[in-house]
Amino acid sequence: MRGTTDLPDVEALRVLEPPPGGIAILRERLDGEGRRRGWLWFAVPAMLAVVAILLLRRDDAAPSPAPTALADPQVSDGFYWVASRPAGPKPARAPLPEAPSFVSIDDAPRVSTIGQ
């Protein structure tokens, strides 16, 4: 094979005739009703029933998460306070680096052009 687009040289690719009885089988399939997929009539409702049972059997004893939106009717009828992060202890912050009290003229930024 010379490249990835070349087909291998096999007898099945050189013969242009269908296999024995192949056309008759194809005509029977096209003329007939085809395969019946009766199992779909049972599989889809059965799957829906399983999903419904799983949803109904949820464990309600598990603690519910904290609400992410709290209504505040004192502000407005449709006003809600929304949490920016999940409830819980605040993460520890790293201390900020101490800012220098002076800057040397050598460390100051250099301005090469002045825009007008």
Protein backbone atom coordinates (compact mmCIF):
# COMPACT_ATOMS: atom_id res chain seq x y z
CA MET A 1 0.00 0.00 0.00
CA ARG A 2 1.33 3.35 -0.98
CA GLY A 3 -0.71 5.67 1.22
CA THR A 4 -3.43 5.72 3.79
CA THR A 5 -6.15 6.27 1.13
CA ASP A 6 -5.37 3.11 -0.87
CA LEU A 7 -7.60 0.10 -0.35
CA PRO A 8 -6.04 -3.32 0.11
CA ASP A 9 -6.06 -5.61 -2.93
CA VAL A 10 -8.58 -8.28 -1.92
CA GLU A 11 -10.87 -10.45 -4.06
CA ALA A 12 -14.08 -9.03 -2.50
CA LEU A 13 -13.20 -5.54 -3.75
CA ARG A 14 -12.42 -6.71 -7.29
CA VAL A 15 -15.75 -8.55 -7.82
CA LEU A 16 -18.72 -6.39 -8.75
CA GLU A 17 -21.35 -9.09 -8.35
CA PRO A 18 -23.38 -9.58 -5.15
CA PRO A 19 -23.06 -12.80 -3.16
CA PRO A 20 -25.27 -15.72 -4.26
CA GLY A 21 -28.90 -15.05 -3.29
CA GLY A 22 -28.02 -11.60 -1.97
CA ILE A 23 -30.39 -9.65 -4.18
CA ALA A 24 -33.31 -11.97 -3.37
CA ILE A 25 -32.68 -11.52 0.36
CA LEU A 26 -32.50 -7.76 -0.09
CA ARG A 27 -35.78 -7.68 -2.04
CA GLU A 28 -37.50 -9.74 0.67
CA ARG A 29 -36.36 -7.28 3.29
CA LEU A 30 -37.54 -4.29 1.29
CA ASP A 31 -40.90 -5.85 0.41
CA GLY A 32 -41.55 -7.22 3.89
CA GLU A 33 -42.49 -5.28 6.98
CA GLY A 34 -38.94 -5.33 8.20
CA ARG A 35 -37.76 -6.14 11.67
CA ARG A 36 -40.16 -5.38 14.42
CA ARG A 37 -38.80 -3.55 17.38
CA GLY A 38 -41.39 -4.65 19.90
CA TRP A 39 -38.89 -4.62 22.72
CA LEU A 40 -38.85 -0.79 22.53
CA TRP A 41 -42.49 -0.74 23.65
CA PHE A 42 -41.40 -2.42 26.89
CA ALA A 43 -37.91 -1.03 27.40
CA VAL A 44 -38.77 2.68 27.42
CA PRO A 45 -41.64 2.48 29.98
CA ALA A 46 -39.59 0.10 32.12
CA MET A 47 -36.70 2.55 32.15
CA LEU A 48 -39.03 5.42 33.05
CA ALA A 49 -40.46 3.35 35.90
CA VAL A 50 -36.97 2.63 37.25
CA VAL A 51 -36.09 6.34 37.18
CA ALA A 52 -39.35 7.23 38.95
CA ILE A 53 -38.71 4.63 41.66
CA LEU A 54 -35.18 5.91 42.19
CA LEU A 55 -36.43 9.47 42.51
CA LEU A 56 -39.13 8.48 44.99
CA ARG A 57 -36.73 6.44 47.13
CA ARG A 58 -34.38 9.34 47.78
CA ASP A 59 -33.06 9.47 51.30
CA ASP A 60 -34.84 12.45 52.87
CA ALA A 61 -32.92 12.00 56.13
CA ALA A 62 -29.80 13.52 54.56
CA PRO A 63 -29.20 17.11 55.68
CA SER A 64 -30.36 19.63 53.14
CA PRO A 65 -27.77 22.11 51.92
CA ALA A 66 -27.92 25.68 53.09
CA PRO A 67 -30.14 27.87 50.93
CA THR A 68 -28.27 29.83 48.30
CA ALA A 69 -30.93 32.55 48.01
CA LEU A 70 -32.70 34.19 50.96
CA ALA A 71 -35.82 36.26 50.36
CA ASP A 72 -35.88 39.72 51.93
CA PRO A 73 -39.41 41.20 51.76
CA GLN A 74 -38.25 44.34 53.65
CA VAL A 75 -36.27 45.41 50.57
CA SER A 76 -38.76 44.35 47.91
CA ASP A 77 -41.24 41.59 47.15
CA GLY A 78 -38.96 39.85 44.65
CA PHE A 79 -35.58 40.66 46.30
CA TYR A 80 -33.24 37.80 47.23
CA TRP A 81 -29.83 37.82 48.88
CA VAL A 82 -27.57 35.37 47.05
CA ALA A 83 -24.49 33.76 48.59
CA SER A 84 -21.24 34.23 46.67
CA ARG A 85 -19.84 30.96 48.01
CA PRO A 86 -21.21 27.92 49.83
CA ALA A 87 -21.92 28.31 53.51
CA GLY A 88 -19.23 27.17 55.88
CA PRO A 89 -16.13 28.43 57.65
CA LYS A 90 -14.23 31.16 55.88
CA PRO A 91 -10.94 30.05 54.33
CA ALA A 92 -7.81 31.40 55.98
CA ARG A 93 -6.20 34.25 54.11
CA ALA A 94 -2.49 34.58 53.60
CA PRO A 95 -1.07 37.73 55.15
CA LEU A 96 -0.44 40.58 52.73
CA PRO A 97 3.20 41.43 52.09
CA GLU A 98 4.38 44.58 53.82
CA ALA A 99 4.54 47.53 51.44
CA PRO A 100 7.85 49.43 51.32
CA SER A 101 7.73 52.84 52.93
CA PHE A 102 9.86 54.44 50.20
CA VAL A 103 10.78 53.87 46.59
CA SER A 104 14.23 54.60 45.28
CA ILE A 105 14.51 56.73 42.14
CA ASP A 106 16.43 53.83 40.57
CA ASP A 107 13.42 51.54 41.11
CA ALA A 108 10.86 54.03 39.77
CA PRO A 109 9.36 53.33 36.34
CA ARG A 110 11.06 55.12 33.47
CA VAL A 111 9.01 57.28 31.08
CA SER A 112 10.52 57.56 27.65
CA THR A 113 7.77 59.53 25.87
CA ILE A 114 5.14 61.92 27.05
CA GLY A 115 1.80 61.79 25.25
CA GLN A 116 -0.02 65.04 24.63
